[in-house]
N, C-alpha and C. Protein backbone atom coordinates (compact mmCIF):
# COMPACT_ATOMS: atom_id res chain seq x y z
N MET A 1 -3.83 59.52 -9.23
CA MET A 1 -2.20 59.20 -9.46
C MET A 1 -1.43 60.41 -9.72
N ILE A 2 -0.34 59.93 -9.12
CA ILE A 2 0.66 61.50 -8.87
C ILE A 2 1.49 61.14 -10.54
N SER A 3 1.98 62.24 -10.87
CA SER A 3 2.73 62.34 -12.21
C SER A 3 3.92 63.05 -11.91
N GLU A 4 5.06 62.32 -12.51
CA GLU A 4 6.60 62.89 -12.30
C GLU A 4 7.16 62.78 -13.58
N LEU A 5 7.86 63.57 -12.99
CA LEU A 5 8.55 63.81 -14.75
C LEU A 5 10.37 63.83 -14.36
N SER A 6 11.34 63.23 -15.48
CA SER A 6 12.66 63.36 -15.10
C SER A 6 13.44 63.26 -16.68
N SER A 7 14.78 63.13 -16.00
CA SER A 7 15.43 63.18 -17.41
C SER A 7 16.64 62.77 -16.86
N GLY A 8 17.43 62.17 -17.97
CA GLY A 8 18.47 61.24 -17.59
C GLY A 8 19.43 61.10 -18.92
N GLY A 9 20.47 60.54 -18.49
CA GLY A 9 21.45 60.51 -19.66
C GLY A 9 21.88 59.27 -20.30
N VAL A 10 22.21 58.90 -21.40
CA VAL A 10 23.00 57.74 -21.64
C VAL A 10 24.64 57.76 -22.36
N VAL A 11 25.84 58.10 -21.15
CA VAL A 11 26.79 58.52 -21.49
C VAL A 11 27.79 57.82 -22.17
N ILE A 12 28.42 58.25 -23.07
CA ILE A 12 29.59 57.61 -23.57
C ILE A 12 30.61 58.06 -23.80
N PHE A 13 31.62 57.06 -23.46
CA PHE A 13 33.09 57.46 -23.56
C PHE A 13 34.15 56.50 -24.03
N GLY A 14 34.41 57.02 -25.67
CA GLY A 14 34.76 55.94 -26.29
C GLY A 14 33.69 55.29 -26.88
N ASN A 15 34.07 53.56 -26.15
CA ASN A 15 33.27 52.48 -26.56
C ASN A 15 33.02 51.80 -25.31
N ALA A 16 32.59 52.82 -24.29
CA ALA A 16 32.00 52.16 -23.04
C ALA A 16 31.03 53.72 -22.52
N LEU A 17 29.80 52.62 -21.78
CA LEU A 17 28.69 53.39 -21.14
C LEU A 17 28.39 53.49 -20.01
N LEU A 18 28.66 54.60 -19.83
CA LEU A 18 28.23 55.07 -17.89
C LEU A 18 27.26 54.08 -17.09
N LEU A 19 27.38 53.41 -16.11
CA LEU A 19 26.25 52.98 -15.33
C LEU A 19 26.14 52.89 -14.00
N LEU A 20 25.60 52.80 -13.25
CA LEU A 20 25.39 53.39 -12.02
C LEU A 20 24.83 52.06 -11.39
N ARG A 21 25.35 51.34 -10.42
CA ARG A 21 24.82 50.91 -9.56
C ARG A 21 24.10 50.58 -8.00
N LYS A 22 23.02 50.13 -7.88
CA LYS A 22 22.19 50.78 -6.28
C LYS A 22 22.34 50.04 -5.56
N TYR A 23 21.80 50.44 -4.70
CA TYR A 23 22.16 49.02 -3.03
C TYR A 23 21.28 48.16 -3.43
N ASN A 24 20.26 47.60 -3.47
CA ASN A 24 19.49 46.27 -4.40
C ASN A 24 20.89 45.89 -5.65
N GLY A 25 21.53 46.28 -5.77
CA GLY A 25 22.26 45.77 -6.89
C GLY A 25 22.05 45.78 -8.43
N ASP A 26 20.94 46.82 -8.32
CA ASP A 26 20.75 47.35 -9.98
C ASP A 26 21.67 47.85 -10.90
N TRP A 27 21.88 47.65 -11.73
CA TRP A 27 22.59 48.63 -12.33
C TRP A 27 21.61 49.44 -13.78
N VAL A 28 21.62 50.42 -13.36
CA VAL A 28 20.86 51.83 -14.28
C VAL A 28 21.45 52.73 -14.70
N LEU A 29 20.68 53.50 -15.45
CA LEU A 29 21.22 54.68 -16.51
C LEU A 29 20.89 55.75 -15.52
N PRO A 30 22.20 57.03 -14.98
CA PRO A 30 21.72 58.04 -14.43
C PRO A 30 20.25 58.84 -14.56
N LYS A 31 19.71 59.51 -13.93
CA LYS A 31 18.51 59.92 -14.42
C LYS A 31 17.86 60.71 -12.76
N GLY A 32 17.31 61.57 -13.02
CA GLY A 32 16.51 62.34 -11.88
C GLY A 32 14.97 62.78 -12.37
N ARG A 33 14.85 63.47 -10.89
CA ARG A 33 13.28 64.55 -11.23
C ARG A 33 13.83 65.95 -11.66
N VAL A 34 12.93 66.41 -12.59
CA VAL A 34 13.33 67.28 -13.44
C VAL A 34 12.46 68.69 -11.93
N GLU A 35 13.45 69.74 -11.72
CA GLU A 35 13.15 70.71 -10.98
C GLU A 35 12.02 71.84 -11.30
N ALA A 36 11.28 72.17 -10.67
CA ALA A 36 10.29 73.39 -11.07
C ALA A 36 11.02 74.40 -12.02
N GLY A 37 10.55 74.82 -12.91
CA GLY A 37 10.98 75.58 -13.96
C GLY A 37 12.57 75.36 -14.67
N GLU A 38 12.86 74.11 -14.45
CA GLU A 38 13.96 73.43 -15.52
C GLU A 38 13.88 73.02 -16.57
N ARG A 39 14.96 72.95 -17.28
CA ARG A 39 14.69 72.62 -18.70
C ARG A 39 15.15 71.20 -18.82
N LEU A 40 14.31 69.90 -19.71
CA LEU A 40 14.76 68.84 -19.51
C LEU A 40 16.06 68.26 -19.59
N HIS A 41 16.50 69.21 -20.68
CA HIS A 41 18.28 68.86 -20.93
C HIS A 41 19.66 69.75 -20.05
N THR A 42 19.05 70.22 -19.10
CA THR A 42 19.80 70.93 -17.74
C THR A 42 19.55 70.13 -16.79
N ALA A 43 18.46 69.47 -16.28
CA ALA A 43 17.97 68.46 -15.85
C ALA A 43 19.04 67.05 -15.75
N ALA A 44 19.28 66.45 -17.29
CA ALA A 44 19.65 65.61 -17.24
C ALA A 44 20.94 65.61 -16.90
N LEU A 45 22.06 66.95 -17.31
CA LEU A 45 23.13 67.21 -16.98
C LEU A 45 23.69 67.16 -15.63
N ARG A 46 22.73 67.69 -14.90
CA ARG A 46 22.97 68.14 -13.58
C ARG A 46 22.69 66.09 -12.79
N GLU A 47 21.18 65.97 -13.40
CA GLU A 47 21.63 64.74 -13.07
C GLU A 47 22.78 63.56 -13.08
N VAL A 48 23.10 63.46 -14.34
CA VAL A 48 24.26 62.70 -14.50
C VAL A 48 25.74 63.42 -13.38
N LEU A 49 25.72 64.40 -13.26
CA LEU A 49 26.80 65.00 -12.89
C LEU A 49 26.35 64.72 -11.03
N GLU A 50 25.24 64.91 -10.49
CA GLU A 50 24.99 64.66 -9.08
C GLU A 50 25.19 63.19 -8.70
N GLU A 51 24.79 62.09 -9.76
CA GLU A 51 24.81 60.92 -9.54
C GLU A 51 25.82 60.13 -9.74
N SER A 52 26.28 60.69 -10.44
CA SER A 52 28.50 59.80 -11.17
C SER A 52 29.23 60.38 -10.80
N GLY A 53 29.70 62.04 -10.91
CA GLY A 53 30.39 62.72 -10.96
C GLY A 53 30.90 63.43 -12.21
N VAL A 54 29.94 62.72 -13.20
CA VAL A 54 30.67 62.74 -14.47
C VAL A 54 30.02 64.08 -15.34
N LYS A 55 31.32 64.96 -15.73
CA LYS A 55 30.54 66.07 -16.18
C LYS A 55 30.20 65.99 -17.43
N ALA A 56 29.72 65.61 -18.57
CA ALA A 56 29.03 64.83 -19.75
C ALA A 56 28.45 66.33 -20.67
N GLU A 57 28.44 66.30 -22.05
CA GLU A 57 27.77 67.15 -23.21
C GLU A 57 26.72 66.33 -23.68
N ILE A 58 25.50 66.81 -24.17
CA ILE A 58 24.81 66.15 -24.91
C ILE A 58 25.25 66.42 -26.49
N ILE A 59 24.59 65.04 -26.44
CA ILE A 59 24.48 65.02 -28.47
C ILE A 59 23.34 64.88 -29.14
N GLN A 60 22.70 64.10 -28.63
CA GLN A 60 21.31 64.79 -28.99
C GLN A 60 19.99 64.23 -28.05
N TYR A 61 19.22 64.45 -28.35
CA TYR A 61 17.88 63.84 -27.90
C TYR A 61 17.37 62.42 -28.26
N ILE A 62 17.27 61.51 -27.02
CA ILE A 62 16.89 59.89 -28.12
C ILE A 62 15.27 60.10 -27.78
N GLY A 63 14.86 60.41 -26.73
CA GLY A 63 13.06 60.24 -26.43
C GLY A 63 12.82 59.51 -25.38
N ARG A 64 11.45 59.30 -25.15
CA ARG A 64 11.04 59.08 -23.53
C ARG A 64 10.62 58.26 -23.68
N VAL A 65 10.21 57.90 -22.07
CA VAL A 65 9.74 57.00 -21.57
C VAL A 65 8.83 57.07 -20.76
N ASN A 66 7.83 56.43 -20.73
CA ASN A 66 6.59 56.21 -19.83
C ASN A 66 6.47 54.98 -19.27
N TYR A 67 5.94 54.76 -17.78
CA TYR A 67 5.91 53.61 -17.06
C TYR A 67 5.21 53.99 -15.55
N HIS A 68 4.69 53.44 -15.18
CA HIS A 68 3.93 53.46 -13.81
C HIS A 68 4.33 52.35 -12.75
N TYR A 69 4.51 52.65 -11.38
CA TYR A 69 5.09 52.23 -10.58
C TYR A 69 4.51 52.47 -8.84
N LYS A 70 3.90 51.81 -8.23
CA LYS A 70 3.68 52.21 -7.10
C LYS A 70 4.22 52.84 -5.82
N ASN A 71 4.13 54.12 -5.34
CA ASN A 71 4.79 54.62 -4.46
C ASN A 71 4.59 54.15 -3.04
N ILE A 72 5.29 53.67 -2.70
CA ILE A 72 4.59 52.63 -1.48
C ILE A 72 5.01 53.59 -0.17
N LYS A 73 5.33 54.73 -0.23
CA LYS A 73 5.19 56.03 0.97
C LYS A 73 3.89 56.54 1.29
N GLU A 74 3.83 56.64 -0.37
CA GLU A 74 2.10 57.50 -0.08
C GLU A 74 0.74 56.36 -0.18
N ASP A 75 1.32 55.14 -0.72
CA ASP A 75 0.09 54.08 -1.34
C ASP A 75 -0.26 54.62 -2.43
N GLU A 76 0.53 55.16 -3.72
CA GLU A 76 -0.21 55.99 -4.72
C GLU A 76 0.23 55.35 -5.78
N MET A 77 -0.55 55.46 -7.15
CA MET A 77 0.37 54.81 -8.43
C MET A 77 0.69 56.50 -8.59
N VAL A 78 1.95 56.25 -9.50
CA VAL A 78 3.15 57.48 -10.01
C VAL A 78 2.82 57.16 -11.38
N SER A 79 2.48 57.90 -12.46
CA SER A 79 2.99 57.68 -13.74
C SER A 79 4.33 58.62 -14.01
N LYS A 80 5.17 58.42 -14.41
CA LYS A 80 6.11 58.56 -14.45
C LYS A 80 6.69 58.60 -16.17
N THR A 81 7.22 59.51 -16.50
CA THR A 81 7.63 60.04 -17.95
C THR A 81 9.12 60.32 -17.63
N VAL A 82 10.32 60.12 -18.28
CA VAL A 82 11.68 60.26 -18.30
C VAL A 82 12.06 60.26 -19.66
N HIS A 83 12.78 61.78 -20.12
CA HIS A 83 13.51 61.93 -21.51
C HIS A 83 15.12 61.58 -21.17
N TRP A 84 15.23 60.99 -22.36
CA TRP A 84 17.11 60.49 -22.32
C TRP A 84 17.54 61.29 -23.00
N TYR A 85 18.99 61.60 -22.86
CA TYR A 85 19.53 62.40 -24.00
C TYR A 85 20.91 61.58 -23.97
N LEU A 86 21.10 61.46 -24.91
CA LEU A 86 22.46 60.78 -25.38
C LEU A 86 23.82 61.83 -25.10
N MET A 87 24.71 61.36 -24.34
CA MET A 87 26.27 62.36 -23.88
C MET A 87 27.46 62.08 -24.19
N LYS A 88 28.03 62.39 -24.09
CA LYS A 88 29.39 61.79 -24.16
C LYS A 88 30.23 62.95 -23.05
N SER A 89 31.53 61.93 -22.34
CA SER A 89 32.26 62.53 -21.61
C SER A 89 33.47 63.02 -21.84
N GLN A 90 34.89 63.29 -21.38
CA GLN A 90 35.58 63.27 -21.73
C GLN A 90 36.84 62.47 -21.00
N ASN A 91 36.34 62.11 -20.11
CA ASN A 91 37.05 61.13 -19.23
C ASN A 91 36.54 59.91 -18.87
N MET A 92 36.96 58.72 -18.13
CA MET A 92 36.16 58.01 -17.93
C MET A 92 36.12 57.98 -16.17
N TYR A 93 36.71 58.89 -15.73
CA TYR A 93 35.95 59.35 -14.08
C TYR A 93 34.86 59.38 -14.11
N CYS A 94 34.42 58.37 -12.58
CA CYS A 94 33.09 58.45 -12.05
C CYS A 94 33.36 58.34 -10.83
N LYS A 95 32.24 58.62 -10.25
CA LYS A 95 32.31 58.42 -8.43
C LYS A 95 30.84 58.19 -8.06
N PRO A 96 30.02 57.11 -7.59
CA PRO A 96 28.42 56.92 -7.35
C PRO A 96 28.94 57.95 -6.31
N GLU A 97 27.21 58.67 -6.12
CA GLU A 97 26.52 59.02 -4.84
C GLU A 97 26.07 58.49 -3.74
N LYS A 98 26.23 58.11 -2.91
CA LYS A 98 25.99 57.25 -1.73
C LYS A 98 24.69 57.77 -1.45
N LYS A 99 24.57 59.46 -0.99
CA LYS A 99 23.49 59.98 -0.83
C LYS A 99 22.29 59.42 -1.77
N GLU A 100 22.76 59.50 -3.16
CA GLU A 100 21.42 59.60 -4.24
C GLU A 100 21.35 57.82 -4.17
N GLY A 101 22.15 56.95 -3.47
CA GLY A 101 21.65 55.56 -3.59
C GLY A 101 22.56 54.32 -4.27
N PHE A 102 23.69 54.98 -4.58
CA PHE A 102 24.54 54.31 -5.18
C PHE A 102 25.60 53.45 -5.03
N VAL A 103 26.39 52.57 -5.29
CA VAL A 103 26.99 52.00 -4.53
C VAL A 103 28.28 52.02 -5.42
N ASP A 104 27.95 51.82 -6.60
CA ASP A 104 29.41 51.78 -7.71
C ASP A 104 29.04 52.70 -8.70
N ALA A 105 29.67 52.89 -9.56
CA ALA A 105 29.59 53.61 -10.99
C ALA A 105 30.92 53.11 -11.84
N LYS A 106 30.46 52.85 -13.39
CA LYS A 106 31.45 52.77 -13.95
C LYS A 106 30.94 52.59 -15.39
N PHE A 107 32.20 53.17 -16.49
CA PHE A 107 32.12 52.98 -17.66
C PHE A 107 32.06 51.27 -18.35
N VAL A 108 30.89 50.76 -18.57
CA VAL A 108 31.10 49.25 -19.13
C VAL A 108 31.17 49.18 -20.75
N HIS A 109 31.73 48.60 -21.31
CA HIS A 109 32.17 48.33 -22.28
C HIS A 109 30.86 48.23 -23.68
N ILE A 110 30.72 48.94 -24.36
CA ILE A 110 28.91 48.74 -25.47
C ILE A 110 28.88 47.13 -25.20
N ASP A 111 29.15 46.41 -25.69
CA ASP A 111 29.19 45.17 -25.82
C ASP A 111 28.33 44.96 -24.96
N LYS A 112 28.62 44.71 -23.83
CA LYS A 112 28.38 44.29 -21.96
C LYS A 112 27.07 44.88 -21.43
N VAL A 113 26.70 46.28 -21.77
CA VAL A 113 25.92 47.28 -21.08
C VAL A 113 24.40 46.60 -21.11
N ILE A 114 24.21 45.76 -22.61
CA ILE A 114 22.50 45.27 -22.26
C ILE A 114 22.50 44.02 -21.29
N ASP A 115 23.09 43.47 -20.85
CA ASP A 115 23.55 41.63 -20.69
C ASP A 115 23.31 42.87 -19.04
N ILE A 116 23.93 43.91 -18.46
CA ILE A 116 23.83 44.05 -16.83
C ILE A 116 22.77 45.19 -16.67
N VAL A 117 22.09 45.82 -17.45
CA VAL A 117 21.05 46.79 -17.22
C VAL A 117 20.07 46.22 -16.67
N ARG A 118 19.65 46.25 -15.78
CA ARG A 118 18.11 46.35 -15.08
C ARG A 118 16.84 45.77 -16.16
N TYR A 119 16.55 47.38 -16.26
CA TYR A 119 15.00 47.41 -16.87
C TYR A 119 15.21 47.57 -18.06
N ASN A 120 14.15 46.85 -18.57
CA ASN A 120 13.97 46.69 -20.12
C ASN A 120 14.07 48.44 -20.90
N ASP A 121 13.19 49.05 -20.18
CA ASP A 121 12.97 50.25 -20.90
C ASP A 121 14.06 51.13 -20.91
N GLU A 122 15.21 50.88 -20.45
CA GLU A 122 16.86 51.64 -20.09
C GLU A 122 17.55 50.77 -21.50
N LYS A 123 17.37 49.39 -21.74
CA LYS A 123 18.29 48.86 -22.54
C LYS A 123 17.07 49.14 -23.71
N LYS A 124 16.18 49.54 -24.11
CA LYS A 124 15.85 50.42 -25.68
C LYS A 124 16.19 51.35 -25.88
N ILE A 125 16.17 52.52 -24.41
CA ILE A 125 17.05 53.32 -24.91
C ILE A 125 18.42 53.55 -24.86
N ILE A 126 18.88 52.63 -24.62
CA ILE A 126 20.90 51.99 -24.85
C ILE A 126 20.67 52.08 -26.53
N LYS A 127 19.74 51.16 -26.70
CA LYS A 127 19.69 50.72 -27.95
C LYS A 127 19.96 51.37 -28.95
N LYS A 128 18.48 52.74 -28.69
CA LYS A 128 18.20 53.87 -29.33
C LYS A 128 19.68 54.75 -29.83
N GLY A 129 20.37 54.98 -28.72
CA GLY A 129 21.82 55.86 -28.63
C GLY A 129 22.84 54.99 -29.32
N LEU A 130 22.87 53.92 -28.79
CA LEU A 130 24.07 53.72 -29.61
C LEU A 130 23.50 53.49 -31.47
N LYS A 131 22.45 53.15 -31.50
CA LYS A 131 21.92 53.47 -33.13
C LYS A 131 22.68 54.80 -33.93
N ILE A 132 22.35 55.74 -32.93
CA ILE A 132 22.71 57.09 -33.30
C ILE A 132 24.10 57.17 -33.18
N ILE A 133 24.82 56.55 -32.59
CA ILE A 133 26.29 56.72 -33.04
C ILE A 133 26.63 55.51 -33.87
N GLY A 134 25.85 55.08 -34.61
CA GLY A 134 26.37 53.83 -36.09
C GLY A 134 26.64 52.90 -35.06
N HIS A 135 26.64 52.22 -33.80
CA HIS A 135 27.21 51.24 -33.48
C HIS A 135 25.66 50.19 -32.99
N ASN A 136 25.73 49.17 -33.79
CA ASN A 136 24.69 47.89 -33.60
C ASN A 136 25.28 47.24 -32.81
N LEU A 137 24.27 46.75 -31.73
CA LEU A 137 25.17 45.59 -30.66
C LEU A 137 24.52 44.26 -31.48
N ARG A 138 25.41 43.06 -31.00
CA ARG A 138 25.24 42.12 -31.75
C ARG A 138 24.25 41.30 -31.11
């Protein structure tokens, strides 16, 4: 089994949260692989900037998620760990990075985010992040 280490951000601006839409239509949080020798928080900030054009700053660490998936190219199972950081942006400017596989990027009202995000692990991380800032979802 291959191991993968990633880092990403739950990026907030006011009462909205940054989401990216992949080519397949799934809305996700920005995240990506941690490079050799790179610190987790540095990778999270870099990935948010690369995938969305958003220059964010970290508020605090939220937690990590572990899951497994099948890498179709190598026909192997991958054990993936993603470290998540709560971040804030100074504005709502965002631009999806097509090279990274994204067709849309936008800040979505925090009350609508859970209904839009595709993956349950990301929904849980969003809820934890919003709880940190004192917002409880209905």
